[in-house]
PDB file of N, CA and C in Angstrom:
ATOM      1  N   MET A   1     -61.244  24.025  29.673  1.00  0.00           N
ATOM      2  CA  MET A   1     -61.376  23.031  29.944  1.00  0.00           C
ATOM      3  C   MET A   1     -60.821  22.072  29.064  1.00  0.00           C
ATOM      4  N   THR A   2     -60.385  20.999  29.004  1.00  0.00           N
ATOM      5  CA  THR A   2     -59.780  19.926  28.522  1.00  0.00           C
ATOM      6  C   THR A   2     -60.893  19.038  27.746  1.00  0.00           C
ATOM      7  N   GLY A   3     -60.881  18.896  26.247  1.00  0.00           N
ATOM      8  CA  GLY A   3     -61.544  17.631  26.059  1.00  0.00           C
ATOM      9  C   GLY A   3     -62.703  17.963  25.101  1.00  0.00           C
ATOM     10  N   LYS A   4     -63.654  17.160  24.766  1.00  0.00           N
ATOM     11  CA  LYS A   4     -64.788  17.110  24.171  1.00  0.00           C
ATOM     12  C   LYS A   4     -65.671  16.318  24.489  1.00  0.00           C
ATOM     13  N   HIS A   5     -67.191  16.362  24.585  1.00  0.00           N
ATOM     14  CA  HIS A   5     -68.194  15.815  24.937  1.00  0.00           C
ATOM     15  C   HIS A   5     -68.597  14.102  23.913  1.00  0.00           C
ATOM     16  N   THR A   6     -68.091  14.650  22.365  1.00  0.00           N
ATOM     17  CA  THR A   6     -68.353  13.522  21.570  1.00  0.00           C
ATOM     18  C   THR A   6     -67.103  13.300  20.779  1.00  0.00           C
ATOM     19  N   TRP A   7     -66.685  11.966  20.764  1.00  0.00           N
ATOM     20  CA  TRP A   7     -65.196  11.550  19.969  1.00  0.00           C
ATOM     21  C   TRP A   7     -65.900  10.589  18.967  1.00  0.00           C
ATOM     22  N   ALA A   8     -65.283  10.609  17.850  1.00  0.00           N
ATOM     23  CA  ALA A   8     -65.861   9.347  16.371  1.00  0.00           C
ATOM     24  C   ALA A   8     -64.259   9.025  16.096  1.00  0.00           C
ATOM     25  N   ILE A   9     -64.368   7.481  16.170  1.00  0.00           N
ATOM     26  CA  ILE A   9     -63.017   6.880  15.788  1.00  0.00           C
ATOM     27  C   ILE A   9     -63.508   6.079  14.859  1.00  0.00           C
ATOM     28  N   PRO A  10     -63.004   6.489  13.398  1.00  0.00           N
ATOM     29  CA  PRO A  10     -63.593   6.005  12.135  1.00  0.00           C
ATOM     30  C   PRO A  10     -62.922   4.542  11.794  1.00  0.00           C
ATOM     31  N   GLU A  11     -62.039   4.139  12.681  1.00  0.00           N
ATOM     32  CA  GLU A  11     -61.513   2.795  12.272  1.00  0.00           C
ATOM     33  C   GLU A  11     -61.155   1.920  13.491  1.00  0.00           C
ATOM     34  N   GLY A  12     -61.253   0.475  13.311  1.00  0.00           N
ATOM     35  CA  GLY A  12     -61.250  -0.396  14.389  1.00  0.00           C
ATOM     36  C   GLY A  12     -61.235  -1.820  13.675  1.00  0.00           C
ATOM     37  N   TYR A  13     -60.414  -2.858  14.102  1.00  0.00           N
ATOM     38  CA  TYR A  13     -60.492  -4.050  13.854  1.00  0.00           C
ATOM     39  C   TYR A  13     -59.640  -5.000  14.682  1.00  0.00           C
ATOM     40  N   ILE A  14     -60.214  -5.719  15.219  1.00  0.00           N
ATOM     41  CA  ILE A  14     -59.788  -6.956  16.151  1.00  0.00           C
ATOM     42  C   ILE A  14     -59.419  -8.207  15.449  1.00  0.00           C
ATOM     43  N   PRO A  15     -58.284  -8.809  15.357  1.00  0.00           N
ATOM     44  CA  PRO A  15     -57.880  -9.855  14.485  1.00  0.00           C
ATOM     45  C   PRO A  15     -58.566 -11.138  15.313  1.00  0.00           C
ATOM     46  N   ARG A  16     -58.880 -11.966  14.359  1.00  0.00           N
ATOM     47  CA  ARG A  16     -59.433 -13.286  14.847  1.00  0.00           C
ATOM     48  C   ARG A  16     -58.380 -14.206  16.010  1.00  0.00           C
ATOM     49  N   GLU A  17     -57.057 -13.915  15.345  1.00  0.00           N
ATOM     50  CA  GLU A  17     -56.100 -14.529  16.121  1.00  0.00           C
ATOM     51  C   GLU A  17     -55.032 -13.887  16.604  1.00  0.00           C
ATOM     52  N   SER A  18     -54.525 -14.407  17.605  1.00  0.00           N
ATOM     53  CA  SER A  18     -53.216 -13.654  18.337  1.00  0.00           C
ATOM     54  C   SER A  18     -52.083 -14.526  18.228  1.00  0.00           C
ATOM     55  N   THR A  19     -50.795 -13.964  18.086  1.00  0.00           N
ATOM     56  CA  THR A  19     -49.655 -14.950  18.190  1.00  0.00           C
ATOM     57  C   THR A  19     -48.879 -14.850  19.673  1.00  0.00           C
ATOM     58  N   GLY A  20     -48.995 -13.545  20.318  1.00  0.00           N
ATOM     59  CA  GLY A  20     -48.266 -13.300  21.242  1.00  0.00           C
ATOM     60  C   GLY A  20     -48.933 -13.932  22.600  1.00  0.00           C
ATOM     61  N   PRO A  21     -48.143 -13.735  23.854  1.00  0.00           N
ATOM     62  CA  PRO A  21     -48.804 -14.366  25.098  1.00  0.00           C
ATOM     63  C   PRO A  21     -49.883 -13.601  25.496  1.00  0.00           C
ATOM     64  N   GLU A  22     -50.905 -14.267  26.211  1.00  0.00           N
ATOM     65  CA  GLU A  22     -51.940 -13.681  26.789  1.00  0.00           C
ATOM     66  C   GLU A  22     -51.787 -13.447  28.001  1.00  0.00           C
ATOM     67  N   PRO A  23     -52.396 -12.237  28.599  1.00  0.00           N
ATOM     68  CA  PRO A  23     -53.008 -11.098  28.098  1.00  0.00           C
ATOM     69  C   PRO A  23     -52.430 -10.026  27.557  1.00  0.00           C
ATOM     70  N   GLU A  24     -50.929  -9.983  27.843  1.00  0.00           N
ATOM     71  CA  GLU A  24     -50.001  -8.981  27.628  1.00  0.00           C
ATOM     72  C   GLU A  24     -50.069  -8.734  25.848  1.00  0.00           C
ATOM     73  N   LEU A  25     -49.861  -9.633  25.297  1.00  0.00           N
ATOM     74  CA  LEU A  25     -49.966  -9.525  23.863  1.00  0.00           C
ATOM     75  C   LEU A  25     -50.896 -10.110  23.173  1.00  0.00           C
ATOM     76  N   ILE A  26     -51.969 -10.288  23.562  1.00  0.00           N
ATOM     77  CA  ILE A  26     -53.136 -10.408  22.782  1.00  0.00           C
ATOM     78  C   ILE A  26     -53.803  -9.249  21.813  1.00  0.00           C
ATOM     79  N   SER A  27     -53.861  -9.655  20.584  1.00  0.00           N
ATOM     80  CA  SER A  27     -54.289  -8.553  19.848  1.00  0.00           C
ATOM     81  C   SER A  27     -55.200  -7.702  20.200  1.00  0.00           C
ATOM     82  N   HIS A  28     -55.452  -6.545  20.258  1.00  0.00           N
ATOM     83  CA  HIS A  28     -56.761  -5.732  20.755  1.00  0.00           C
ATOM     84  C   HIS A  28     -56.770  -4.258  20.057  1.00  0.00           C
ATOM     85  N   GLU A  29     -57.790  -3.613  20.152  1.00  0.00           N
ATOM     86  CA  GLU A  29     -57.915  -2.137  20.075  1.00  0.00           C
ATOM     87  C   GLU A  29     -58.197  -1.741  21.476  1.00  0.00           C
ATOM     88  N   SER A  30     -57.914  -0.703  21.538  1.00  0.00           N
ATOM     89  CA  SER A  30     -57.777   0.053  22.999  1.00  0.00           C
ATOM     90  C   SER A  30     -58.443   1.553  22.568  1.00  0.00           C
ATOM     91  N   LEU A  31     -59.356   1.999  23.848  1.00  0.00           N
ATOM     92  CA  LEU A  31     -59.732   3.293  24.023  1.00  0.00           C
ATOM     93  C   LEU A  31     -59.025   3.784  25.103  1.00  0.00           C
ATOM     94  N   CYS A  32     -58.168   4.922  25.133  1.00  0.00           N
ATOM     95  CA  CYS A  32     -57.611   5.570  26.199  1.00  0.00           C
ATOM     96  C   CYS A  32     -58.332   6.775  26.428  1.00  0.00           C
ATOM     97  N   VAL A  33     -58.643   7.131  27.574  1.00  0.00           N
ATOM     98  CA  VAL A  33     -59.383   8.449  27.970  1.00  0.00           C
ATOM     99  C   VAL A  33     -58.767   9.119  29.020  1.00  0.00           C
ATOM    100  N   LEU A  34     -58.665  10.332  28.827  1.00  0.00           N
ATOM    101  CA  LEU A  34     -58.380  11.298  29.918  1.00  0.00           C
ATOM    102  C   LEU A  34     -59.228  12.143  30.543  1.00  0.00           C
ATOM    103  N   ASN A  35     -59.434  12.046  31.881  1.00  0.00           N
ATOM    104  CA  ASN A  35     -60.603  13.164  32.246  1.00  0.00           C
ATOM    105  C   ASN A  35     -59.705  14.060  33.273  1.00  0.00           C
ATOM    106  N   THR A  36     -59.808  15.356  33.014  1.00  0.00           N
ATOM    107  CA  THR A  36     -58.780  16.195  33.837  1.00  0.00           C
ATOM    108  C   THR A  36     -59.831  17.050  34.505  1.00  0.00           C
ATOM    109  N   THR A  37     -61.099  16.872  34.732  1.00  0.00           N
ATOM    110  CA  THR A  37     -61.957  17.643  35.538  1.00  0.00           C
ATOM    111  C   THR A  37     -62.244  17.133  37.075  1.00  0.00           C
ATOM    112  N   ASP A  38     -62.908  17.673  37.871  1.00  0.00           N
ATOM    113  CA  ASP A  38     -63.171  17.440  39.280  1.00  0.00           C
ATOM    114  C   ASP A  38     -64.251  16.418  39.353  1.00  0.00           C
ATOM    115  N   GLU A  39     -64.777  15.891  38.193  1.00  0.00           N
ATOM    116  CA  GLU A  39     -65.976  15.253  38.191  1.00  0.00           C
ATOM    117  C   GLU A  39     -65.840  13.926  37.509  1.00  0.00           C
ATOM    118  N   ASP A  40     -66.316  12.774  37.875  1.00  0.00           N
ATOM    119  CA  ASP A  40     -66.142  11.426  37.329  1.00  0.00           C
ATOM    120  C   ASP A  40     -67.052  11.556  35.931  1.00  0.00           C
ATOM    121  N   ALA A  41     -66.575  10.991  35.082  1.00  0.00           N
ATOM    122  CA  ALA A  41     -67.003  10.956  33.449  1.00  0.00           C
ATOM    123  C   ALA A  41     -67.776   9.774  33.306  1.00  0.00           C
ATOM    124  N   THR A  42     -69.103   9.978  32.686  1.00  0.00           N
ATOM    125  CA  THR A  42     -69.839   8.768  32.279  1.00  0.00           C
ATOM    126  C   THR A  42     -69.634   8.514  30.823  1.00  0.00           C
ATOM    127  N   LEU A  43     -69.389   7.387  30.522  1.00  0.00           N
ATOM    128  CA  LEU A  43     -69.214   7.363  28.865  1.00  0.00           C
ATOM    129  C   LEU A  43     -70.029   6.321  28.417  1.00  0.00           C
ATOM    130  N   GLU A  44     -70.850   6.754  27.134  1.00  0.00           N
ATOM    131  CA  GLU A  44     -71.517   5.513  26.379  1.00  0.00           C
ATOM    132  C   GLU A  44     -70.758   5.478  25.255  1.00  0.00           C
ATOM    133  N   ILE A  45     -70.377   4.278  24.638  1.00  0.00           N
ATOM    134  CA  ILE A  45     -69.323   3.718  23.569  1.00  0.00           C
ATOM    135  C   ILE A  45     -70.363   2.943  22.678  1.00  0.00           C
ATOM    136  N   THR A  46     -70.843   3.468  21.404  1.00  0.00           N
ATOM    137  CA  THR A  46     -71.496   2.623  20.407  1.00  0.00           C
ATOM    138  C   THR A  46     -70.476   2.462  19.312  1.00  0.00           C
ATOM    139  N   VAL A  47     -70.728   0.942  18.675  1.00  0.00           N
ATOM    140  CA  VAL A  47     -69.651   0.386  17.917  1.00  0.00           C
ATOM    141  C   VAL A  47     -70.719   0.307  16.567  1.00  0.00           C
ATOM    142  N   TYR A  48     -70.008   0.664  15.363  1.00  0.00           N
ATOM    143  CA  TYR A  48     -70.702   0.853  13.963  1.00  0.00           C
ATOM    144  C   TYR A  48     -69.962  -0.102  13.158  1.00  0.00           C
ATOM    145  N   PHE A  49     -70.559  -0.949  12.146  1.00  0.00           N
ATOM    146  CA  PHE A  49     -70.229  -1.989  11.440  1.00  0.00           C
ATOM    147  C   PHE A  49     -70.647  -1.635   9.690  1.00  0.00           C
ATOM    148  N   THR A  50     -69.779  -2.334   8.884  1.00  0.00           N
ATOM    149  CA  THR A  50     -69.929  -2.056   7.470  1.00  0.00           C
ATOM    150  C   THR A  50     -71.576  -2.847   7.108  1.00  0.00           C
ATOM    151  N   ASP A  51     -71.730  -3.984   7.511  1.00  0.00           N
ATOM    152  CA  ASP A  51     -72.812  -4.753   7.431  1.00  0.00           C
ATOM    153  C   ASP A  51     -73.831  -4.999   8.032  1.00  0.00           C
ATOM    154  N   SER A  52     -73.766  -4.597   9.247  1.00  0.00           N
ATOM    155  CA  SER A  52     -74.577  -4.949  10.576  1.00  0.00           C
ATOM    156  C   SER A  52     -74.988  -3.758  11.197  1.00  0.00           C
ATOM    157  N   ASP A  53     -75.899  -3.812  11.858  1.00  0.00           N
ATOM    158  CA  ASP A  53     -76.563  -2.729  12.779  1.00  0.00           C
ATOM    159  C   ASP A  53     -75.465  -2.482  14.169  1.00  0.00           C
ATOM    160  N   PRO A  54     -75.247  -1.007  14.626  1.00  0.00           N
ATOM    161  CA  PRO A  54     -74.638  -0.883  15.488  1.00  0.00           C
ATOM    162  C   PRO A  54     -75.055  -1.370  16.746  1.00  0.00           C
ATOM    163  N   ILE A  55     -73.839  -1.942  17.531  1.00  0.00           N
ATOM    164  CA  ILE A  55     -74.234  -2.238  19.141  1.00  0.00           C
ATOM    165  C   ILE A  55     -73.417  -1.311  20.283  1.00  0.00           C
ATOM    166  N   GLY A  56     -74.399  -1.486  21.221  1.00  0.00           N
ATOM    167  CA  GLY A  56     -74.062  -0.703  22.304  1.00  0.00           C
ATOM    168  C   GLY A  56     -75.484  -0.131  22.734  1.00  0.00           C
ATOM    169  N   PRO A  57     -75.231   0.978  23.508  1.00  0.00           N
ATOM    170  CA  PRO A  57     -73.771   1.610  24.158  1.00  0.00           C
ATOM    171  C   PRO A  57     -73.331   0.764  25.225  1.00  0.00           C
ATOM    172  N   TYR A  58     -72.421   0.790  25.459  1.00  0.00           N
ATOM    173  CA  TYR A  58     -71.059  -0.032  26.318  1.00  0.00           C
ATOM    174  C   TYR A  58     -71.220   1.326  27.357  1.00  0.00           C
ATOM    175  N   GLU A  59     -71.384   1.016  28.669  1.00  0.00           N
ATOM    176  CA  GLU A  59     -71.317   2.204  29.493  1.00  0.00           C
ATOM    177  C   GLU A  59     -70.276   1.799  30.350  1.00  0.00           C
ATOM    178  N   THR A  60     -69.478   3.052  30.674  1.00  0.00           N
ATOM    179  CA  THR A  60     -68.206   2.974  31.624  1.00  0.00           C
ATOM    180  C   THR A  60     -68.037   4.464  32.021  1.00  0.00           C
ATOM    181  N   GLU A  61     -66.999   4.594  32.908  1.00  0.00           N
ATOM    182  CA  GLU A  61     -66.719   5.750  33.766  1.00  0.00           C
ATOM    183  C   GLU A  61     -65.367   5.759  33.957  1.00  0.00           C
ATOM    184  N   VAL A  62     -64.968   7.014  34.100  1.00  0.00           N
ATOM    185  CA  VAL A  62     -63.569   7.567  34.094  1.00  0.00           C
ATOM    186  C   VAL A  62     -63.527   8.459  35.189  1.00  0.00           C
ATOM    187  N   PRO A  63     -62.646   8.050  36.324  1.00  0.00           N
ATOM    188  CA  PRO A  63     -63.016   8.637  37.596  1.00  0.00           C
ATOM    189  C   PRO A  63     -62.063  10.507  37.359  1.00  0.00           C
ATOM    190  N   ALA A  64     -62.598  11.304  37.981  1.00  0.00           N
ATOM    191  CA  ALA A  64     -62.067  12.825  38.160  1.00  0.00           C
ATOM    192  C   ALA A  64     -60.483  12.692  38.148  1.00  0.00           C
ATOM    193  N   ASN A  65     -60.071  13.349  37.367  1.00  0.00           N
ATOM    194  CA  ASN A  65     -58.403  13.614  37.212  1.00  0.00           C
ATOM    195  C   ASN A  65     -57.893  12.392  37.124  1.00  0.00           C
ATOM    196  N   ARG A  66     -58.459  11.431  36.335  1.00  0.00           N
ATOM    197  CA  ARG A  66     -57.719  10.010  36.015  1.00  0.00           C
ATOM    198  C   ARG A  66     -57.585   9.796  34.412  1.00  0.00           C
ATOM    199  N   THR A  67     -57.003   8.699  34.264  1.00  0.00           N
ATOM    200  CA  THR A  67     -57.189   7.856  32.947  1.00  0.00           C
ATOM    201  C   THR A  67     -57.289   6.699  32.991  1.00  0.00           C
ATOM    202  N   ARG A  68     -58.020   6.063  32.012  1.00  0.00           N
ATOM    203  CA  ARG A  68     -58.240   4.566  32.118  1.00  0.00           C
ATOM    204  C   ARG A  68     -58.391   4.247  30.549  1.00  0.00           C
ATOM    205  N   HIS A  69     -57.974   2.844  30.478  1.00  0.00           N
ATOM    206  CA  HIS A  69     -57.798   2.285  29.173  1.00  0.00           C
ATOM    207  C   HIS A  69     -58.913   1.294  29.019  1.00  0.00           C
ATOM    208  N   PHE A  70     -59.369   1.062  27.980  1.00  0.00           N
ATOM    209  CA  PHE A  70     -60.634   0.202  27.517  1.00  0.00           C
ATOM    210  C   PHE A  70     -60.161  -0.467  26.495  1.00  0.00           C
ATOM    211  N   ARG A  71     -60.238  -2.092  26.692  1.00  0.00           N
ATOM    212  CA  ARG A  71     -60.005  -2.929  25.599  1.00  0.00           C
ATOM    213  C   ARG A  71     -61.274  -3.202  24.625  1.00  0.00           C
ATOM    214  N   PHE A  72     -61.498  -2.743  23.585  1.00  0.00           N
ATOM    215  CA  PHE A  72     -62.652  -3.281  23.012  1.00  0.00           C
ATOM    216  C   PHE A  72     -62.924  -4.721  23.185  1.00  0.00           C
ATOM    217  N   ASN A  73     -61.995  -5.843  23.145  1.00  0.00           N
ATOM    218  CA  ASN A  73     -61.885  -7.032  23.320  1.00  0.00           C
ATOM    219  C   ASN A  73     -62.927  -7.509  24.433  1.00  0.00           C
ATOM    220  N   GLU A  74     -62.711  -6.374  25.437  1.00  0.00           N
ATOM    221  CA  GLU A  74     -63.401  -6.717  26.646  1.00  0.00           C
ATOM    222  C   GLU A  74     -64.660  -6.479  26.988  1.00  0.00           C
ATOM    223  N   PHE A  75     -65.414  -5.420  25.804  1.00  0.00           N
ATOM    224  CA  PHE A  75     -66.616  -5.159  25.829  1.00  0.00           C
ATOM    225  C   PHE A  75     -67.673  -6.280  25.976  1.00  0.00           C
ATOM    226  N   GLU A  76     -68.648  -6.636  26.943  1.00  0.00           N
ATOM    227  CA  GLU A  76     -69.115  -7.685  26.799  1.00  0.00           C
ATOM    228  C   GLU A  76     -70.955  -7.268  26.949  1.00  0.00           C
ATOM    229  N   ASP A  77     -71.125  -6.230  27.542  1.00  0.00           N
ATOM    230  CA  ASP A  77     -72.580  -5.770  27.663  1.00  0.00           C
ATOM    231  C   ASP A  77     -73.006  -4.853  26.912  1.00  0.00           C
ATOM    232  N   PRO A  78     -73.716  -4.538  25.867  1.00  0.00           N
ATOM    233  CA  PRO A  78     -74.728  -5.677  25.757  1.00  0.00           C
ATOM    234  C   PRO A  78     -74.239  -7.025  24.668  1.00  0.00           C
ATOM    235  N   GLU A  79     -73.300  -6.939  24.134  1.00  0.00           N
ATOM    236  CA  GLU A  79     -72.561  -8.030  23.385  1.00  0.00           C
ATOM    237  C   GLU A  79     -71.141  -8.144  22.997  1.00  0.00           C
ATOM    238  N   PRO A  80     -70.399  -8.972  22.990  1.00  0.00           N
ATOM    239  CA  PRO A  80     -68.870  -8.610  22.663  1.00  0.00           C
ATOM    240  C   PRO A  80     -68.788  -8.117  21.494  1.00  0.00           C
ATOM    241  N   VAL A  81     -67.866  -7.270  21.034  1.00  0.00           N
ATOM    242  CA  VAL A  81     -67.438  -6.665  19.833  1.00  0.00           C
ATOM    243  C   VAL A  81     -66.797  -7.870  18.908  1.00  0.00           C
ATOM    244  N   PRO A  82     -67.475  -8.201  17.679  1.00  0.00           N
ATOM    245  CA  PRO A  82     -66.861  -9.355  16.914  1.00  0.00           C
ATOM    246  C   PRO A  82     -65.552  -9.150  16.426  1.00  0.00           C
ATOM    247  N   LYS A  83     -64.897 -10.128  16.513  1.00  0.00           N
ATOM    248  CA  LYS A  83     -63.434 -10.098  16.024  1.00  0.00           C
ATOM    249  C   LYS A  83     -63.549 -10.058  14.478  1.00  0.00           C
ATOM    250  N   GLY A  84     -62.449  -9.752  13.753  1.00  0.00           N
ATOM    251  CA  GLY A  84     -62.429 -10.344  11.995  1.00  0.00           C
ATOM    252  C   GLY A  84     -63.545  -9.260  11.564  1.00  0.00           C
ATOM    253  N   GLU A  85     -63.822  -8.087  11.850  1.00  0.00           N
ATOM    254  CA  GLU A  85     -64.998  -7.141  11.395  1.00  0.00           C
ATOM    255  C   GLU A  85     -64.025  -6.116  11.547  1.00  0.00           C
ATOM    256  N   PRO A  86     -63.926  -5.087  10.617  1.00  0.00           N
ATOM    257  CA  PRO A  86     -64.019  -3.861  10.737  1.00  0.00           C
ATOM    258  C   PRO A  86     -65.091  -2.907  11.414  1.00  0.00           C
ATOM    259  N   PHE A  87     -64.873  -2.074  12.346  1.00  0.00           N
ATOM    260  CA  PHE A  87     -65.699  -1.259  12.850  1.00  0.00           C
ATOM    261  C   PHE A  87     -65.171   0.125  13.154  1.00  0.00           C
ATOM    262  N   ALA A  88     -66.101   1.025  13.584  1.00  0.00           N
ATOM    263  CA  ALA A  88     -65.999   2.598  14.045  1.00  0.00           C
ATOM    264  C   ALA A  88     -66.786   2.506  15.360  1.00  0.00           C
ATOM    265  N   SER A  89     -66.295   3.741  16.159  1.00  0.00           N
ATOM    266  CA  SER A  89     -66.963   4.044  17.475  1.00  0.00           C
ATOM    267  C   SER A  89     -67.132   5.189  17.690  1.00  0.00           C
ATOM    268  N   VAL A  90     -68.224   5.504  18.131  1.00  0.00           N
ATOM    269  CA  VAL A  90     -68.490   6.896  18.726  1.00  0.00           C
ATOM    270  C   VAL A  90     -68.701   6.807  20.375  1.00  0.00           C
ATOM    271  N   ILE A  91     -68.012   7.737  20.991  1.00  0.00           N
ATOM    272  CA  ILE A  91     -67.686   7.837  22.306  1.00  0.00           C
ATOM    273  C   ILE A  91     -68.272   9.217  22.585  1.00  0.00           C
ATOM    274  N   GLU A  92     -69.361   9.340  23.763  1.00  0.00           N
ATOM    275  CA  GLU A  92     -70.210  10.398  24.291  1.00  0.00           C
ATOM    276  C   GLU A  92     -69.828  10.296  25.778  1.00  0.00           C
ATOM    277  N   SER A  93     -69.583  11.663  26.333  1.00  0.00           N
ATOM    278  CA  SER A  93     -69.206  11.506  27.592  1.00  0.00           C
ATOM    279  C   SER A  93     -70.211  12.594  28.164  1.00  0.00           C
ATOM    280  N   ASP A  94     -70.502  12.502  29.446  1.00  0.00           N
ATOM    281  CA  ASP A  94     -71.442  13.777  30.008  1.00  0.00           C
ATOM    282  C   ASP A  94     -70.603  15.054  30.280  1.00  0.00           C
ATOM    283  N   ILE A  95     -69.162  14.816  30.434  1.00  0.00           N
ATOM    284  CA  ILE A  95     -68.549  15.834  30.549  1.00  0.00           C
ATOM    285  C   ILE A  95     -66.957  15.929  29.616  1.00  0.00           C
ATOM    286  N   PRO A  96     -66.435  17.123  29.368  1.00  0.00           N
ATOM    287  CA  PRO A  96     -65.329  16.977  28.289  1.00  0.00           C
ATOM    288  C   PRO A  96     -64.495  15.865  28.753  1.00  0.00           C
ATOM    289  N   VAL A  97     -63.895  15.060  27.903  1.00  0.00           N
ATOM    290  CA  VAL A  97     -62.867  14.099  28.109  1.00  0.00           C
ATOM    291  C   VAL A  97     -61.941  14.175  26.821  1.00  0.00           C
ATOM    292  N   VAL A  98     -60.658  13.480  26.879  1.00  0.00           N
ATOM    293  CA  VAL A  98     -59.777  13.548  25.687  1.00  0.00           C
ATOM    294  C   VAL A  98     -59.833  11.881  25.409  1.00  0.00           C
ATOM    295  N   CYS A  99     -59.886  11.601  24.096  1.00  0.00           N
ATOM    296  CA  CYS A  99     -59.842  10.148  23.934  1.00  0.00           C
ATOM    297  C   CYS A  99     -58.448   9.981  22.755  1.00  0.00           C
ATOM    298  N   GLN A 100     -58.112   8.649  22.869  1.00  0.00           N
ATOM    299  CA  GLN A 100     -57.182   8.256  21.879  1.00  0.00           C
ATOM    300  C   GLN A 100     -57.616   7.053  21.691  1.00  0.00           C
ATOM    301  N   HIS A 101     -57.135   6.173  20.461  1.00  0.00           N
ATOM    302  CA  HIS A 101     -57.714   5.167  20.096  1.00  0.00           C
ATOM    303  C   HIS A 101     -56.062   4.500  19.843  1.00  0.00           C
ATOM    304  N   THR A 102     -55.888   3.173  20.056  1.00  0.00           N
ATOM    305  CA  THR A 102     -54.569   2.286  20.233  1.00  0.00           C
ATOM    306  C   THR A 102     -54.877   1.097  19.643  1.00  0.00           C
ATOM    307  N   ARG A 103     -53.884   0.179  19.002  1.00  0.00           N
ATOM    308  CA  ARG A 103     -54.133  -1.141  18.403  1.00  0.00           C
ATOM    309  C   ARG A 103     -52.813  -1.833  18.588  1.00  0.00           C
ATOM    310  N   LEU A 104     -52.977  -2.995  19.131  1.00  0.00           N
ATOM    311  CA  LEU A 104     -51.857  -4.172  19.158  1.00  0.00           C
ATOM    312  C   LEU A 104     -52.232  -5.422  18.225  1.00  0.00           C
ATOM    313  N   ASP A 105     -51.487  -5.462  17.178  1.00  0.00           N
ATOM    314  CA  ASP A 105     -51.699  -6.517  16.331  1.00  0.00           C
ATOM    315  C   ASP A 105     -50.388  -7.681  16.490  1.00  0.00           C
ATOM    316  N   SER A 106     -50.765  -8.823  17.058  1.00  0.00           N
ATOM    317  CA  SER A 106     -49.512  -9.851  17.476  1.00  0.00           C
ATOM    318  C   SER A 106     -49.776 -10.970  16.776  1.00  0.00           C
TER     319      SER A 106
END
């Protein structure tokens, strides 16, 4: 089976401003998730900060045998991820998945 149930990404930062056209080139942090199983994956994402309490979990799904990309900028519930603050994240999945973190600064 490909993947793990828990992933930790120790770095993240969403700039307060962007210079590129929206939505294509707005600065963002992304979580790319690959689910190679025959079951849908349910994910819980918790975001941690240097000087404040964690927020989350943000709950989402990745269908069986699919990939999905999530922008931390678009997480709203339970609250938006603040811009201009360094953060880390922990991703927990009910089935093994593969995760990658990407960034676009514009």
